[in-house]
Amino acid sequence: MEANVEVFLDTNVLMAASVRQHPHFSRADAVLRRCLEGEDKGWGHTHSLLEFLSAMTQRPKGLAVPPALVSSLPEQGIPAQGRLVALPGKELPLVQKRAGEPGVIGGIISDFFHLSVVRREGVTRFFTFHTTHFQSLSEPGFLARIVAP
């Protein structure tokens, strides 16, 4: 990958990079390390951090992280060497309207909001382990930016 790429790390990538036992740890960790070392600029969505905190405290098989510890994990990641963004309140009605057009419902609305933030900010790569899912929500011109680590 070329240097100084602006990358968005989906919640599942942040999770994989935080759990050594995760089957995708090495791939996710490599992407996060590039951000931490300043080789790439990492982006996160404020809602992604909430998803991350929720998911990490509910991990199965004894891998759950206590809430007191999990809050420090994202601070060591994207906010440390990247940029944390939120969708401005004035843009919410437009995104909600756009989500309603293709019939985006339920929990998938969060993913649609992630894509809205990423497109708005002009991020070069959207890293996720659910590429097909996000591509199904994306506009055609953004499809090639959605990749797995």
N, C-alpha and C. Protein backbone atom coordinates (compact mmCIF):
# COMPACT_ATOMS: atom_id res chain seq x y z
N MET A 1 0.84 -1.17 0.00
CA MET A 1 0.00 0.00 0.00
C MET A 1 0.88 1.24 0.00
N GLU A 2 0.49 2.27 -0.74
CA GLU A 2 1.27 3.49 -0.81
C GLU A 2 1.29 4.20 0.55
N ALA A 3 2.25 5.07 0.77
CA ALA A 3 2.41 5.75 2.04
C ALA A 3 1.41 6.89 2.19
N ASN A 4 1.14 7.23 3.43
CA ASN A 4 0.27 8.36 3.79
C ASN A 4 -1.12 8.28 3.18
N VAL A 5 -1.70 7.11 3.23
CA VAL A 5 -3.06 6.90 2.77
C VAL A 5 -3.99 7.22 3.93
N GLU A 6 -5.11 7.85 3.64
CA GLU A 6 -6.11 8.11 4.66
C GLU A 6 -7.04 6.91 4.73
N VAL A 7 -7.06 6.24 5.90
CA VAL A 7 -7.80 5.00 6.03
C VAL A 7 -8.81 5.08 7.17
N PHE A 8 -9.95 4.45 6.95
CA PHE A 8 -10.98 4.30 7.98
C PHE A 8 -10.94 2.85 8.44
N LEU A 9 -10.91 2.65 9.75
CA LEU A 9 -10.90 1.31 10.30
C LEU A 9 -12.28 1.00 10.88
N ASP A 10 -12.96 0.04 10.27
CA ASP A 10 -14.26 -0.38 10.75
C ASP A 10 -14.11 -1.00 12.14
N THR A 11 -15.20 -1.07 12.86
CA THR A 11 -15.20 -1.62 14.21
C THR A 11 -14.58 -3.01 14.25
N ASN A 12 -14.90 -3.85 13.25
CA ASN A 12 -14.38 -5.22 13.29
C ASN A 12 -12.86 -5.26 13.11
N VAL A 13 -12.29 -4.28 12.45
CA VAL A 13 -10.84 -4.21 12.30
C VAL A 13 -10.21 -3.76 13.63
N LEU A 14 -10.82 -2.77 14.28
CA LEU A 14 -10.33 -2.33 15.59
C LEU A 14 -10.38 -3.48 16.60
N MET A 15 -11.45 -4.25 16.55
CA MET A 15 -11.57 -5.39 17.46
C MET A 15 -10.50 -6.44 17.18
N ALA A 16 -10.33 -6.78 15.93
CA ALA A 16 -9.34 -7.80 15.57
C ALA A 16 -7.93 -7.35 15.97
N ALA A 17 -7.65 -6.07 15.83
CA ALA A 17 -6.32 -5.56 16.18
C ALA A 17 -6.11 -5.50 17.69
N SER A 18 -7.18 -5.62 18.46
CA SER A 18 -7.09 -5.52 19.92
C SER A 18 -7.06 -6.86 20.63
N VAL A 19 -7.30 -7.95 19.90
CA VAL A 19 -7.38 -9.28 20.51
C VAL A 19 -6.40 -10.21 19.80
N ARG A 20 -5.30 -10.52 20.43
CA ARG A 20 -4.27 -11.37 19.79
C ARG A 20 -4.81 -12.72 19.34
N GLN A 21 -5.84 -13.23 20.03
CA GLN A 21 -6.40 -14.53 19.68
C GLN A 21 -7.34 -14.45 18.48
N HIS A 22 -7.65 -13.27 18.02
CA HIS A 22 -8.56 -13.11 16.89
C HIS A 22 -7.91 -13.68 15.63
N PRO A 23 -8.67 -14.42 14.81
CA PRO A 23 -8.07 -15.02 13.61
C PRO A 23 -7.50 -14.01 12.61
N HIS A 24 -7.96 -12.76 12.66
CA HIS A 24 -7.46 -11.74 11.74
C HIS A 24 -6.54 -10.73 12.44
N PHE A 25 -6.05 -11.09 13.61
CA PHE A 25 -5.23 -10.15 14.39
C PHE A 25 -4.07 -9.58 13.58
N SER A 26 -3.27 -10.43 12.96
CA SER A 26 -2.06 -9.94 12.28
C SER A 26 -2.39 -8.98 11.15
N ARG A 27 -3.44 -9.26 10.40
CA ARG A 27 -3.83 -8.37 9.30
C ARG A 27 -4.33 -7.03 9.82
N ALA A 28 -5.18 -7.07 10.85
CA ALA A 28 -5.73 -5.83 11.41
C ALA A 28 -4.64 -5.03 12.13
N ASP A 29 -3.79 -5.73 12.87
CA ASP A 29 -2.71 -5.08 13.60
C ASP A 29 -1.77 -4.35 12.64
N ALA A 30 -1.50 -4.95 11.49
CA ALA A 30 -0.61 -4.31 10.51
C ALA A 30 -1.18 -2.98 10.02
N VAL A 31 -2.48 -2.95 9.79
CA VAL A 31 -3.13 -1.71 9.33
C VAL A 31 -3.10 -0.67 10.44
N LEU A 32 -3.43 -1.07 11.66
CA LEU A 32 -3.43 -0.13 12.79
C LEU A 32 -2.01 0.38 13.06
N ARG A 33 -1.02 -0.49 12.99
CA ARG A 33 0.37 -0.07 13.23
C ARG A 33 0.83 0.99 12.22
N ARG A 34 0.40 0.84 10.96
CA ARG A 34 0.75 1.85 9.96
C ARG A 34 0.23 3.23 10.37
N CYS A 35 -0.96 3.23 10.98
CA CYS A 35 -1.53 4.49 11.47
C CYS A 35 -0.75 5.01 12.68
N LEU A 36 -0.47 4.13 13.62
CA LEU A 36 0.23 4.52 14.83
C LEU A 36 1.65 5.01 14.55
N GLU A 37 2.27 4.47 13.50
CA GLU A 37 3.63 4.87 13.14
C GLU A 37 3.67 6.05 12.18
N GLY A 38 2.50 6.58 11.83
CA GLY A 38 2.42 7.75 10.98
C GLY A 38 2.60 7.46 9.50
N GLU A 39 2.62 6.20 9.11
CA GLU A 39 2.74 5.86 7.69
C GLU A 39 1.42 6.14 6.96
N ASP A 40 0.31 5.97 7.65
CA ASP A 40 -1.02 6.29 7.12
C ASP A 40 -1.74 7.14 8.14
N LYS A 41 -2.76 7.83 7.68
CA LYS A 41 -3.59 8.63 8.59
C LYS A 41 -4.86 7.84 8.86
N GLY A 42 -5.06 7.45 10.10
CA GLY A 42 -6.23 6.67 10.46
C GLY A 42 -7.42 7.55 10.83
N TRP A 43 -8.57 7.09 10.42
CA TRP A 43 -9.82 7.78 10.73
C TRP A 43 -10.73 6.84 11.48
N GLY A 44 -11.49 7.39 12.38
CA GLY A 44 -12.51 6.63 13.07
C GLY A 44 -13.77 7.47 13.16
N HIS A 45 -14.89 6.81 13.28
CA HIS A 45 -16.18 7.47 13.42
C HIS A 45 -16.57 7.35 14.89
N THR A 46 -17.06 8.40 15.49
CA THR A 46 -17.40 8.35 16.91
C THR A 46 -18.32 7.18 17.22
N HIS A 47 -19.23 6.87 16.33
CA HIS A 47 -20.13 5.74 16.58
C HIS A 47 -19.38 4.41 16.55
N SER A 48 -18.32 4.33 15.78
CA SER A 48 -17.50 3.11 15.74
C SER A 48 -16.91 2.82 17.12
N LEU A 49 -16.51 3.87 17.82
CA LEU A 49 -15.94 3.65 19.15
C LEU A 49 -16.99 3.12 20.12
N LEU A 50 -18.22 3.59 19.98
CA LEU A 50 -19.30 3.05 20.83
C LEU A 50 -19.54 1.59 20.50
N GLU A 51 -19.55 1.25 19.21
CA GLU A 51 -19.71 -0.15 18.80
C GLU A 51 -18.56 -0.99 19.35
N PHE A 52 -17.36 -0.46 19.26
CA PHE A 52 -16.17 -1.16 19.74
C PHE A 52 -16.29 -1.44 21.24
N LEU A 53 -16.63 -0.43 22.02
CA LEU A 53 -16.76 -0.60 23.46
C LEU A 53 -17.82 -1.63 23.80
N SER A 54 -18.93 -1.59 23.08
CA SER A 54 -20.01 -2.55 23.32
C SER A 54 -19.56 -3.96 22.99
N ALA A 55 -18.97 -4.13 21.83
CA ALA A 55 -18.58 -5.47 21.38
C ALA A 55 -17.46 -6.07 22.23
N MET A 56 -16.49 -5.27 22.62
CA MET A 56 -15.36 -5.81 23.38
C MET A 56 -15.77 -6.28 24.77
N THR A 57 -16.80 -5.67 25.34
CA THR A 57 -17.25 -6.10 26.66
C THR A 57 -18.18 -7.30 26.60
N GLN A 58 -18.54 -7.74 25.39
CA GLN A 58 -19.44 -8.87 25.22
C GLN A 58 -18.79 -10.03 24.48
N ARG A 59 -17.49 -10.03 24.33
CA ARG A 59 -16.80 -11.08 23.58
C ARG A 59 -17.06 -12.45 24.20
N PRO A 60 -17.20 -13.47 23.37
CA PRO A 60 -17.46 -14.82 23.89
C PRO A 60 -16.18 -15.53 24.36
N LYS A 61 -16.37 -16.71 24.91
CA LYS A 61 -15.28 -17.62 25.26
C LYS A 61 -14.24 -17.01 26.21
N GLY A 62 -14.70 -16.22 27.17
CA GLY A 62 -13.78 -15.64 28.14
C GLY A 62 -12.88 -14.56 27.60
N LEU A 63 -13.16 -14.04 26.40
CA LEU A 63 -12.32 -13.01 25.80
C LEU A 63 -12.84 -11.60 26.03
N ALA A 64 -13.95 -11.47 26.77
CA ALA A 64 -14.51 -10.15 27.04
C ALA A 64 -13.51 -9.33 27.85
N VAL A 65 -13.46 -8.06 27.56
CA VAL A 65 -12.56 -7.14 28.25
C VAL A 65 -13.40 -6.37 29.27
N PRO A 66 -12.95 -6.26 30.51
CA PRO A 66 -13.71 -5.51 31.51
C PRO A 66 -13.90 -4.06 31.05
N PRO A 67 -15.08 -3.49 31.31
CA PRO A 67 -15.35 -2.11 30.86
C PRO A 67 -14.30 -1.09 31.30
N ALA A 68 -13.73 -1.27 32.48
CA ALA A 68 -12.72 -0.33 32.96
C ALA A 68 -11.46 -0.34 32.10
N LEU A 69 -11.17 -1.48 31.46
CA LEU A 69 -9.98 -1.58 30.62
C LEU A 69 -10.27 -1.27 29.16
N VAL A 70 -11.46 -1.62 28.69
CA VAL A 70 -11.75 -1.48 27.27
C VAL A 70 -11.74 -0.02 26.81
N SER A 71 -12.07 0.90 27.68
CA SER A 71 -12.12 2.30 27.26
C SER A 71 -10.74 2.83 26.87
N SER A 72 -9.66 2.24 27.37
CA SER A 72 -8.33 2.72 27.01
C SER A 72 -7.85 2.16 25.67
N LEU A 73 -8.44 1.08 25.19
CA LEU A 73 -7.97 0.47 23.94
C LEU A 73 -8.09 1.40 22.74
N PRO A 74 -9.25 2.01 22.47
CA PRO A 74 -9.29 2.89 21.29
C PRO A 74 -8.44 4.14 21.45
N GLU A 75 -8.22 4.60 22.68
CA GLU A 75 -7.37 5.77 22.89
C GLU A 75 -5.95 5.50 22.43
N GLN A 76 -5.54 4.24 22.46
CA GLN A 76 -4.20 3.87 22.01
C GLN A 76 -4.16 3.68 20.50
N GLY A 77 -5.31 3.70 19.87
CA GLY A 77 -5.41 3.45 18.43
C GLY A 77 -5.65 4.72 17.65
N ILE A 78 -6.79 4.78 16.98
CA ILE A 78 -7.07 5.89 16.05
C ILE A 78 -6.94 7.27 16.68
N PRO A 79 -7.55 7.56 17.82
CA PRO A 79 -7.40 8.92 18.34
C PRO A 79 -5.96 9.30 18.66
N ALA A 80 -5.11 8.31 18.91
CA ALA A 80 -3.71 8.61 19.23
C ALA A 80 -2.96 9.17 18.02
N GLN A 81 -3.19 8.64 16.84
CA GLN A 81 -2.41 9.04 15.66
C GLN A 81 -3.29 9.35 14.45
N GLY A 82 -4.56 9.52 14.64
CA GLY A 82 -5.44 9.76 13.50
C GLY A 82 -6.45 10.83 13.80
N ARG A 83 -7.61 10.64 13.25
CA ARG A 83 -8.66 11.64 13.41
C ARG A 83 -9.97 10.94 13.70
N LEU A 84 -10.66 11.41 14.70
CA LEU A 84 -11.96 10.88 15.07
C LEU A 84 -12.99 11.89 14.61
N VAL A 85 -13.95 11.45 13.79
CA VAL A 85 -14.94 12.36 13.24
C VAL A 85 -16.35 11.90 13.58
N ALA A 86 -17.26 12.85 13.51
CA ALA A 86 -18.68 12.57 13.73
C ALA A 86 -19.46 13.20 12.59
N LEU A 87 -20.60 12.65 12.33
CA LEU A 87 -21.47 13.24 11.33
C LEU A 87 -22.16 14.44 11.97
N PRO A 88 -22.00 15.64 11.41
CA PRO A 88 -22.63 16.81 12.00
C PRO A 88 -24.16 16.66 12.08
N GLY A 89 -24.73 17.17 13.16
CA GLY A 89 -26.17 17.07 13.37
C GLY A 89 -26.99 17.59 12.21
N LYS A 90 -26.52 18.64 11.56
CA LYS A 90 -27.28 19.21 10.44
C LYS A 90 -27.34 18.26 9.24
N GLU A 91 -26.41 17.29 9.17
CA GLU A 91 -26.41 16.35 8.06
C GLU A 91 -27.22 15.09 8.34
N LEU A 92 -27.59 14.87 9.59
CA LEU A 92 -28.34 13.66 9.95
C LEU A 92 -29.63 13.49 9.16
N PRO A 93 -30.47 14.52 9.03
CA PRO A 93 -31.71 14.32 8.26
C PRO A 93 -31.47 13.87 6.82
N LEU A 94 -30.44 14.40 6.17
CA LEU A 94 -30.13 14.01 4.79
C LEU A 94 -29.69 12.55 4.73
N VAL A 95 -28.83 12.14 5.66
CA VAL A 95 -28.37 10.75 5.68
C VAL A 95 -29.53 9.81 6.00
N GLN A 96 -30.39 10.22 6.93
CA GLN A 96 -31.57 9.40 7.24
C GLN A 96 -32.46 9.25 6.01
N LYS A 97 -32.63 10.32 5.28
CA LYS A 97 -33.46 10.26 4.07
C LYS A 97 -32.81 9.33 3.04
N ARG A 98 -31.49 9.49 2.84
CA ARG A 98 -30.78 8.63 1.88
C ARG A 98 -30.84 7.17 2.30
N ALA A 99 -30.78 6.91 3.60
CA ALA A 99 -30.86 5.53 4.09
C ALA A 99 -32.23 4.94 3.82
N GLY A 100 -33.26 5.76 3.90
CA GLY A 100 -34.62 5.28 3.68
C GLY A 100 -34.91 4.93 2.24
N GLU A 101 -34.21 5.54 1.31
CA GLU A 101 -34.47 5.29 -0.11
C GLU A 101 -34.21 3.84 -0.51
N PRO A 102 -33.04 3.25 -0.14
CA PRO A 102 -32.84 1.84 -0.49
C PRO A 102 -33.43 0.89 0.55
N GLY A 103 -34.10 1.44 1.57
CA GLY A 103 -34.71 0.59 2.58
C GLY A 103 -33.76 0.07 3.63
N VAL A 104 -32.76 0.85 3.99
CA VAL A 104 -31.82 0.45 5.03
C VAL A 104 -32.53 0.53 6.37
N ILE A 105 -32.58 -0.59 7.09
CA ILE A 105 -33.30 -0.63 8.36
C ILE A 105 -32.47 -1.35 9.44
N GLY A 106 -32.88 -1.18 10.69
CA GLY A 106 -32.26 -1.89 11.80
C GLY A 106 -30.82 -1.46 12.03
N GLY A 107 -30.03 -2.38 12.55
CA GLY A 107 -28.64 -2.10 12.90
C GLY A 107 -27.77 -1.70 11.73
N ILE A 108 -28.19 -2.03 10.53
CA ILE A 108 -27.40 -1.70 9.34
C ILE A 108 -27.31 -0.18 9.14
N ILE A 109 -28.24 0.55 9.74
CA ILE A 109 -28.21 2.00 9.61
C ILE A 109 -26.88 2.56 10.13
N SER A 110 -26.30 1.93 11.16
CA SER A 110 -25.01 2.39 11.69
C SER A 110 -23.93 2.27 10.62
N ASP A 111 -23.95 1.18 9.88
CA ASP A 111 -22.96 0.99 8.81
C ASP A 111 -23.16 2.01 7.71
N PHE A 112 -24.40 2.32 7.40
CA PHE A 112 -24.70 3.33 6.39
C PHE A 112 -24.15 4.69 6.85
N PHE A 113 -24.27 4.98 8.15
CA PHE A 113 -23.75 6.24 8.69
C PHE A 113 -22.23 6.25 8.61
N HIS A 114 -21.57 5.11 8.88
CA HIS A 114 -20.10 5.05 8.75
C HIS A 114 -19.70 5.43 7.32
N LEU A 115 -20.36 4.83 6.36
CA LEU A 115 -20.04 5.13 4.96
C LEU A 115 -20.28 6.59 4.63
N SER A 116 -21.33 7.17 5.18
CA SER A 116 -21.62 8.59 4.93
C SER A 116 -20.49 9.47 5.43
N VAL A 117 -19.99 9.18 6.62
CA VAL A 117 -18.89 9.95 7.19
C VAL A 117 -17.63 9.78 6.35
N VAL A 118 -17.34 8.55 5.97
CA VAL A 118 -16.12 8.26 5.20
C VAL A 118 -16.16 8.96 3.83
N ARG A 119 -17.29 8.89 3.15
CA ARG A 119 -17.41 9.57 1.85
C ARG A 119 -17.27 11.07 2.02
N ARG A 120 -17.89 11.61 3.05
CA ARG A 120 -17.85 13.05 3.30
C ARG A 120 -16.42 13.52 3.53
N GLU A 121 -15.63 12.72 4.23
CA GLU A 121 -14.26 13.11 4.58
C GLU A 121 -13.25 12.78 3.49
N GLY A 122 -13.65 12.05 2.45
CA GLY A 122 -12.75 11.74 1.35
C GLY A 122 -11.68 10.71 1.69
N VAL A 123 -12.01 9.79 2.58
CA VAL A 123 -11.06 8.76 2.98
C VAL A 123 -10.72 7.86 1.79
N THR A 124 -9.44 7.48 1.66
CA THR A 124 -8.95 6.69 0.54
C THR A 124 -9.32 5.21 0.63
N ARG A 125 -9.19 4.63 1.84
CA ARG A 125 -9.48 3.20 2.04
C ARG A 125 -10.41 3.02 3.23
N PHE A 126 -11.38 2.16 3.05
CA PHE A 126 -12.31 1.79 4.13
C PHE A 126 -11.99 0.33 4.45
N PHE A 127 -11.27 0.09 5.55
CA PHE A 127 -10.89 -1.27 5.91
C PHE A 127 -11.97 -1.93 6.75
N THR A 128 -12.43 -3.10 6.30
CA THR A 128 -13.42 -3.89 7.02
C THR A 128 -13.25 -5.35 6.63
N PHE A 129 -13.68 -6.22 7.51
CA PHE A 129 -13.70 -7.64 7.17
C PHE A 129 -15.05 -8.03 6.59
N HIS A 130 -15.95 -7.06 6.45
CA HIS A 130 -17.27 -7.30 5.86
C HIS A 130 -17.42 -6.50 4.57
N THR A 131 -16.50 -6.72 3.64
CA THR A 131 -16.47 -5.91 2.41
C THR A 131 -17.76 -6.02 1.61
N THR A 132 -18.27 -7.22 1.41
CA THR A 132 -19.47 -7.39 0.60
C THR A 132 -20.65 -6.64 1.21
N HIS A 133 -20.76 -6.71 2.52
CA HIS A 133 -21.85 -6.03 3.22
C HIS A 133 -21.77 -4.52 2.97
N PHE A 134 -20.59 -3.92 3.18
CA PHE A 134 -20.47 -2.48 3.00
C PHE A 134 -20.59 -2.08 1.53
N GLN A 135 -20.10 -2.92 0.63
CA GLN A 135 -20.24 -2.60 -0.79
C GLN A 135 -21.71 -2.58 -1.20
N SER A 136 -22.54 -3.42 -0.57
CA SER A 136 -23.96 -3.44 -0.90
C SER A 136 -24.65 -2.15 -0.46
N LEU A 137 -24.07 -1.41 0.48
CA LEU A 137 -24.63 -0.15 0.96
C LEU A 137 -24.03 1.07 0.28
N SER A 138 -22.96 0.86 -0.47
CA SER A 138 -22.18 1.96 -1.00
C SER A 138 -22.64 2.41 -2.39
N GLU A 139 -22.22 3.61 -2.72
CA GLU A 139 -22.43 4.13 -4.06
C GLU A 139 -21.37 3.51 -4.97
N PRO A 140 -21.69 3.32 -6.26
CA PRO A 140 -20.75 2.66 -7.18
C PRO A 140 -19.35 3.27 -7.20
N GLY A 141 -19.22 4.56 -7.11
CA GLY A 141 -17.91 5.20 -7.18
C GLY A 141 -17.02 4.96 -5.97
N PHE A 142 -17.57 4.41 -4.92
CA PHE A 142 -16.81 4.18 -3.69
C PHE A 142 -16.45 2.72 -3.47
N LEU A 143 -17.01 1.83 -4.26
CA LEU A 143 -16.86 0.38 -4.06
C LEU A 143 -15.40 -0.08 -3.96
N ALA A 144 -14.55 0.42 -4.82
CA ALA A 144 -13.16 -0.04 -4.85
C ALA A 144 -12.37 0.39 -3.60
N ARG A 145 -12.88 1.37 -2.86
CA ARG A 145 -12.20 1.82 -1.65
C ARG A 145 -12.47 0.93 -0.45
N ILE A 146 -13.48 0.08 -0.54
CA ILE A 146 -13.85 -0.80 0.56
C ILE A 146 -13.07 -2.11 0.41
N VAL A 147 -12.11 -2.30 1.32
CA VAL A 147 -11.21 -3.45 1.21
C VAL A 147 -10.97 -4.11 2.56
N ALA A 148 -10.57 -5.37 2.53
CA ALA A 148 -10.17 -6.08 3.75
C ALA A 148 -8.69 -5.85 3.97
N PRO A 149 -8.28 -5.80 5.25
CA PRO A 149 -6.84 -5.64 5.53
C PRO A 149 -6.04 -6.82 4.98
